[in-house]
Amino acid sequence: MNPLAGEWVSKAEGDYVCVQREWRARKTPNFDALCFHAQQCAEKYPKGSSTFL
């Protein structure tokens, strides 16, 4: 994997971890943050895969 692609994928996975954490929150889930990080994850994964081309 090229280093730039790895950075984008790593950042996307960090966003995904935040999404999972907020989704499982029992008392006070922050749905605004969940949606924000889901959107960011959806933008970053394709950027990482397009750097392979």
PDB file of N, CA and C in Angstrom:
ATOM      1  N   MET A   1       0.857  -1.182   0.000  1.00  0.00           N
ATOM      2  CA  MET A   1       0.000   0.000   0.000  1.00  0.00           C
ATOM      3  C   MET A   1       0.894   1.233   0.000  1.00  0.00           C
ATOM      4  N   ASN A   2       0.528   2.180  -0.817  1.00  0.00           N
ATOM      5  CA  ASN A   2       1.319   3.410  -0.862  1.00  0.00           C
ATOM      6  C   ASN A   2       1.083   4.211   0.424  1.00  0.00           C
ATOM      7  N   PRO A   3       2.077   4.943   0.915  1.00  0.00           N
ATOM      8  CA  PRO A   3       1.964   5.626   2.211  1.00  0.00           C
ATOM      9  C   PRO A   3       0.807   6.613   2.294  1.00  0.00           C
ATOM     10  N   LEU A   4       0.528   7.314   1.218  1.00  0.00           N
ATOM     11  CA  LEU A   4      -0.577   8.275   1.233  1.00  0.00           C
ATOM     12  C   LEU A   4      -1.920   7.551   1.374  1.00  0.00           C
ATOM     13  N   ALA A   5      -2.080   6.444   0.670  1.00  0.00           N
ATOM     14  CA  ALA A   5      -3.304   5.647   0.783  1.00  0.00           C
ATOM     15  C   ALA A   5      -3.458   5.132   2.210  1.00  0.00           C
ATOM     16  N   GLY A   6      -2.361   4.702   2.797  1.00  0.00           N
ATOM     17  CA  GLY A   6      -2.400   4.204   4.167  1.00  0.00           C
ATOM     18  C   GLY A   6      -2.838   5.268   5.160  1.00  0.00           C
ATOM     19  N   GLU A   7      -2.429   6.508   4.929  1.00  0.00           N
ATOM     20  CA  GLU A   7      -2.841   7.603   5.818  1.00  0.00           C
ATOM     21  C   GLU A   7      -4.348   7.841   5.725  1.00  0.00           C
ATOM     22  N   TRP A   8      -4.883   7.862   4.498  1.00  0.00           N
ATOM     23  CA  TRP A   8      -6.321   8.090   4.331  1.00  0.00           C
ATOM     24  C   TRP A   8      -7.118   6.950   4.961  1.00  0.00           C
ATOM     25  N   VAL A   9      -6.683   5.719   4.738  1.00  0.00           N
ATOM     26  CA  VAL A   9      -7.386   4.566   5.300  1.00  0.00           C
ATOM     27  C   VAL A   9      -7.316   4.605   6.821  1.00  0.00           C
ATOM     28  N   SER A  10      -6.166   4.944   7.370  1.00  0.00           N
ATOM     29  CA  SER A  10      -6.008   5.031   8.819  1.00  0.00           C
ATOM     30  C   SER A  10      -6.947   6.081   9.415  1.00  0.00           C
ATOM     31  N   LYS A  11      -7.042   7.233   8.766  1.00  0.00           N
ATOM     32  CA  LYS A  11      -7.943   8.278   9.250  1.00  0.00           C
ATOM     33  C   LYS A  11      -9.399   7.836   9.139  1.00  0.00           C
ATOM     34  N   ALA A  12      -9.747   7.153   8.052  1.00  0.00           N
ATOM     35  CA  ALA A  12     -11.111   6.651   7.886  1.00  0.00           C
ATOM     36  C   ALA A  12     -11.445   5.641   8.972  1.00  0.00           C
ATOM     37  N   GLU A  13     -10.499   4.777   9.305  1.00  0.00           N
ATOM     38  CA  GLU A  13     -10.747   3.783  10.345  1.00  0.00           C
ATOM     39  C   GLU A  13     -10.886   4.434  11.715  1.00  0.00           C
ATOM     40  N   GLY A  14     -10.148   5.516  11.956  1.00  0.00           N
ATOM     41  CA  GLY A  14     -10.322   6.252  13.205  1.00  0.00           C
ATOM     42  C   GLY A  14     -11.714   6.849  13.311  1.00  0.00           C
ATOM     43  N   ASP A  15     -12.221   7.383  12.204  1.00  0.00           N
ATOM     44  CA  ASP A  15     -13.589   7.898  12.193  1.00  0.00           C
ATOM     45  C   ASP A  15     -14.584   6.773  12.457  1.00  0.00           C
ATOM     46  N   TYR A  16     -14.342   5.613  11.863  1.00  0.00           N
ATOM     47  CA  TYR A  16     -15.238   4.475  12.045  1.00  0.00           C
ATOM     48  C   TYR A  16     -15.275   4.021  13.503  1.00  0.00           C
ATOM     49  N   VAL A  17     -14.132   4.058  14.163  1.00  0.00           N
ATOM     50  CA  VAL A  17     -14.082   3.703  15.591  1.00  0.00           C
ATOM     51  C   VAL A  17     -14.949   4.670  16.404  1.00  0.00           C
ATOM     52  N   CYS A  18     -14.893   5.953  16.067  1.00  0.00           N
ATOM     53  CA  CYS A  18     -15.737   6.943  16.756  1.00  0.00           C
ATOM     54  C   CYS A  18     -17.211   6.661  16.514  1.00  0.00           C
ATOM     55  N   VAL A  19     -17.557   6.286  15.295  1.00  0.00           N
ATOM     56  CA  VAL A  19     -18.948   5.954  14.966  1.00  0.00           C
ATOM     57  C   VAL A  19     -19.419   4.782  15.823  1.00  0.00           C
ATOM     58  N   GLN A  20     -18.609   3.742  15.884  1.00  0.00           N
ATOM     59  CA  GLN A  20     -18.986   2.566  16.674  1.00  0.00           C
ATOM     60  C   GLN A  20     -19.145   2.910  18.154  1.00  0.00           C
ATOM     61  N   ARG A  21     -18.236   3.728  18.670  1.00  0.00           N
ATOM     62  CA  ARG A  21     -18.277   4.103  20.080  1.00  0.00           C
ATOM     63  C   ARG A  21     -19.571   4.859  20.402  1.00  0.00           C
ATOM     64  N   GLU A  22     -19.911   5.814  19.568  1.00  0.00           N
ATOM     65  CA  GLU A  22     -21.130   6.591  19.808  1.00  0.00           C
ATOM     66  C   GLU A  22     -22.384   5.750  19.609  1.00  0.00           C
ATOM     67  N   TRP A  23     -22.346   4.835  18.653  1.00  0.00           N
ATOM     68  CA  TRP A  23     -23.502   3.975  18.402  1.00  0.00           C
ATOM     69  C   TRP A  23     -23.794   3.085  19.616  1.00  0.00           C
ATOM     70  N   ARG A  24     -22.735   2.658  20.312  1.00  0.00           N
ATOM     71  CA  ARG A  24     -22.916   1.765  21.469  1.00  0.00           C
ATOM     72  C   ARG A  24     -23.124   2.509  22.779  1.00  0.00           C
ATOM     73  N   ALA A  25     -22.983   3.826  22.780  1.00  0.00           N
ATOM     74  CA  ALA A  25     -23.144   4.603  24.019  1.00  0.00           C
ATOM     75  C   ALA A  25     -24.557   4.400  24.553  1.00  0.00           C
ATOM     76  N   ARG A  26     -24.673   4.076  25.811  1.00  0.00           N
ATOM     77  CA  ARG A  26     -25.976   3.779  26.412  1.00  0.00           C
ATOM     78  C   ARG A  26     -26.689   5.027  26.925  1.00  0.00           C
ATOM     79  N   LYS A  27     -25.990   5.828  27.709  1.00  0.00           N
ATOM     80  CA  LYS A  27     -26.659   6.936  28.386  1.00  0.00           C
ATOM     81  C   LYS A  27     -26.773   8.193  27.532  1.00  0.00           C
ATOM     82  N   THR A  28     -25.693   8.612  26.952  1.00  0.00           N
ATOM     83  CA  THR A  28     -25.725   9.877  26.215  1.00  0.00           C
ATOM     84  C   THR A  28     -25.005   9.761  24.876  1.00  0.00           C
ATOM     85  N   PRO A  29     -25.604   9.042  23.924  1.00  0.00           N
ATOM     86  CA  PRO A  29     -24.959   8.979  22.611  1.00  0.00           C
ATOM     87  C   PRO A  29     -25.023  10.349  21.932  1.00  0.00           C
ATOM     88  N   ASN A  30     -23.957  10.702  21.264  1.00  0.00           N
ATOM     89  CA  ASN A  30     -23.899  11.973  20.548  1.00  0.00           C
ATOM     90  C   ASN A  30     -24.124  11.665  19.066  1.00  0.00           C
ATOM     91  N   PHE A  31     -25.385  11.765  18.646  1.00  0.00           N
ATOM     92  CA  PHE A  31     -25.721  11.397  17.280  1.00  0.00           C
ATOM     93  C   PHE A  31     -25.170  12.391  16.256  1.00  0.00           C
ATOM     94  N   ASP A  32     -24.988  13.644  16.664  1.00  0.00           N
ATOM     95  CA  ASP A  32     -24.364  14.610  15.759  1.00  0.00           C
ATOM     96  C   ASP A  32     -22.940  14.183  15.434  1.00  0.00           C
ATOM     97  N   ALA A  33     -22.190  13.781  16.449  1.00  0.00           N
ATOM     98  CA  ALA A  33     -20.811  13.326  16.238  1.00  0.00           C
ATOM     99  C   ALA A  33     -20.796  12.028  15.434  1.00  0.00           C
ATOM    100  N   LEU A  34     -21.730  11.148  15.730  1.00  0.00           N
ATOM    101  CA  LEU A  34     -21.816   9.882  15.004  1.00  0.00           C
ATOM    102  C   LEU A  34     -22.015  10.155  13.515  1.00  0.00           C
ATOM    103  N   CYS A  35     -22.949  11.018  13.179  1.00  0.00           N
ATOM    104  CA  CYS A  35     -23.216  11.331  11.771  1.00  0.00           C
ATOM    105  C   CYS A  35     -22.022  12.027  11.122  1.00  0.00           C
ATOM    106  N   PHE A  36     -21.391  12.939  11.846  1.00  0.00           N
ATOM    107  CA  PHE A  36     -20.233  13.636  11.301  1.00  0.00           C
ATOM    108  C   PHE A  36     -19.119  12.658  10.949  1.00  0.00           C
ATOM    109  N   HIS A  37     -18.795  11.773  11.894  1.00  0.00           N
ATOM    110  CA  HIS A  37     -17.690  10.839  11.662  1.00  0.00           C
ATOM    111  C   HIS A  37     -18.047   9.797  10.607  1.00  0.00           C
ATOM    112  N   ALA A  38     -19.322   9.409  10.523  1.00  0.00           N
ATOM    113  CA  ALA A  38     -19.739   8.483   9.468  1.00  0.00           C
ATOM    114  C   ALA A  38     -19.544   9.122   8.094  1.00  0.00           C
ATOM    115  N   GLN A  39     -19.909  10.391   7.983  1.00  0.00           N
ATOM    116  CA  GLN A  39     -19.740  11.116   6.725  1.00  0.00           C
ATOM    117  C   GLN A  39     -18.259  11.254   6.375  1.00  0.00           C
ATOM    118  N   GLN A  40     -17.440  11.578   7.371  1.00  0.00           N
ATOM    119  CA  GLN A  40     -16.004  11.715   7.140  1.00  0.00           C
ATOM    120  C   GLN A  40     -15.388  10.385   6.714  1.00  0.00           C
ATOM    121  N   CYS A  41     -15.813   9.311   7.354  1.00  0.00           N
ATOM    122  CA  CYS A  41     -15.324   7.978   7.007  1.00  0.00           C
ATOM    123  C   CYS A  41     -15.679   7.650   5.558  1.00  0.00           C
ATOM    124  N   ALA A  42     -16.919   7.975   5.181  1.00  0.00           N
ATOM    125  CA  ALA A  42     -17.377   7.697   3.819  1.00  0.00           C
ATOM    126  C   ALA A  42     -16.598   8.514   2.787  1.00  0.00           C
ATOM    127  N   GLU A  43     -16.094   9.660   3.152  1.00  0.00           N
ATOM    128  CA  GLU A  43     -15.292  10.466   2.227  1.00  0.00           C
ATOM    129  C   GLU A  43     -13.838   9.999   2.167  1.00  0.00           C
ATOM    130  N   LYS A  44     -13.295   9.545   3.291  1.00  0.00           N
ATOM    131  CA  LYS A  44     -11.867   9.232   3.351  1.00  0.00           C
ATOM    132  C   LYS A  44     -11.516   7.869   2.755  1.00  0.00           C
ATOM    133  N   TYR A  45     -12.383   6.869   2.909  1.00  0.00           N
ATOM    134  CA  TYR A  45     -12.058   5.559   2.338  1.00  0.00           C
ATOM    135  C   TYR A  45     -11.879   5.637   0.816  1.00  0.00           C
ATOM    136  N   PRO A  46     -12.776   6.291   0.071  1.00  0.00           N
ATOM    137  CA  PRO A  46     -12.541   6.379  -1.387  1.00  0.00           C
ATOM    138  C   PRO A  46     -11.273   7.164  -1.741  1.00  0.00           C
ATOM    139  N   LYS A  47     -10.933   8.166  -0.947  1.00  0.00           N
ATOM    140  CA  LYS A  47      -9.689   8.909  -1.208  1.00  0.00           C
ATOM    141  C   LYS A  47      -8.497   7.984  -1.063  1.00  0.00           C
ATOM    142  N   GLY A  48      -8.554   7.126  -0.061  1.00  0.00           N
ATOM    143  CA  GLY A  48      -7.465   6.170   0.132  1.00  0.00           C
ATOM    144  C   GLY A  48      -7.380   5.171  -0.995  1.00  0.00           C
ATOM    145  N   SER A  49      -8.523   4.707  -1.468  1.00  0.00           N
ATOM    146  CA  SER A  49      -8.488   3.715  -2.544  1.00  0.00           C
ATOM    147  C   SER A  49      -8.146   4.351  -3.886  1.00  0.00           C
ATOM    148  N   SER A  50      -8.484   5.630  -4.082  1.00  0.00           N
ATOM    149  CA  SER A  50      -8.177   6.265  -5.361  1.00  0.00           C
ATOM    150  C   SER A  50      -6.683   6.578  -5.488  1.00  0.00           C
ATOM    151  N   THR A  51      -5.958   6.593  -4.378  1.00  0.00           N
ATOM    152  CA  THR A  51      -4.520   6.854  -4.458  1.00  0.00           C
ATOM    153  C   THR A  51      -3.762   5.622  -4.955  1.00  0.00           C
ATOM    154  N   PHE A  52      -4.458   4.478  -5.038  1.00  0.00           N
ATOM    155  CA  PHE A  52      -3.815   3.288  -5.601  1.00  0.00           C
ATOM    156  C   PHE A  52      -3.674   3.405  -7.114  1.00  0.00           C
ATOM    157  N   LEU A  53      -4.536   4.211  -7.736  1.00  0.00           N
ATOM    158  CA  LEU A  53      -4.556   4.303  -9.199  1.00  0.00           C
ATOM    159  C   LEU A  53      -3.404   5.099  -9.743  1.00  0.00           C
TER     160      LEU A  53
END
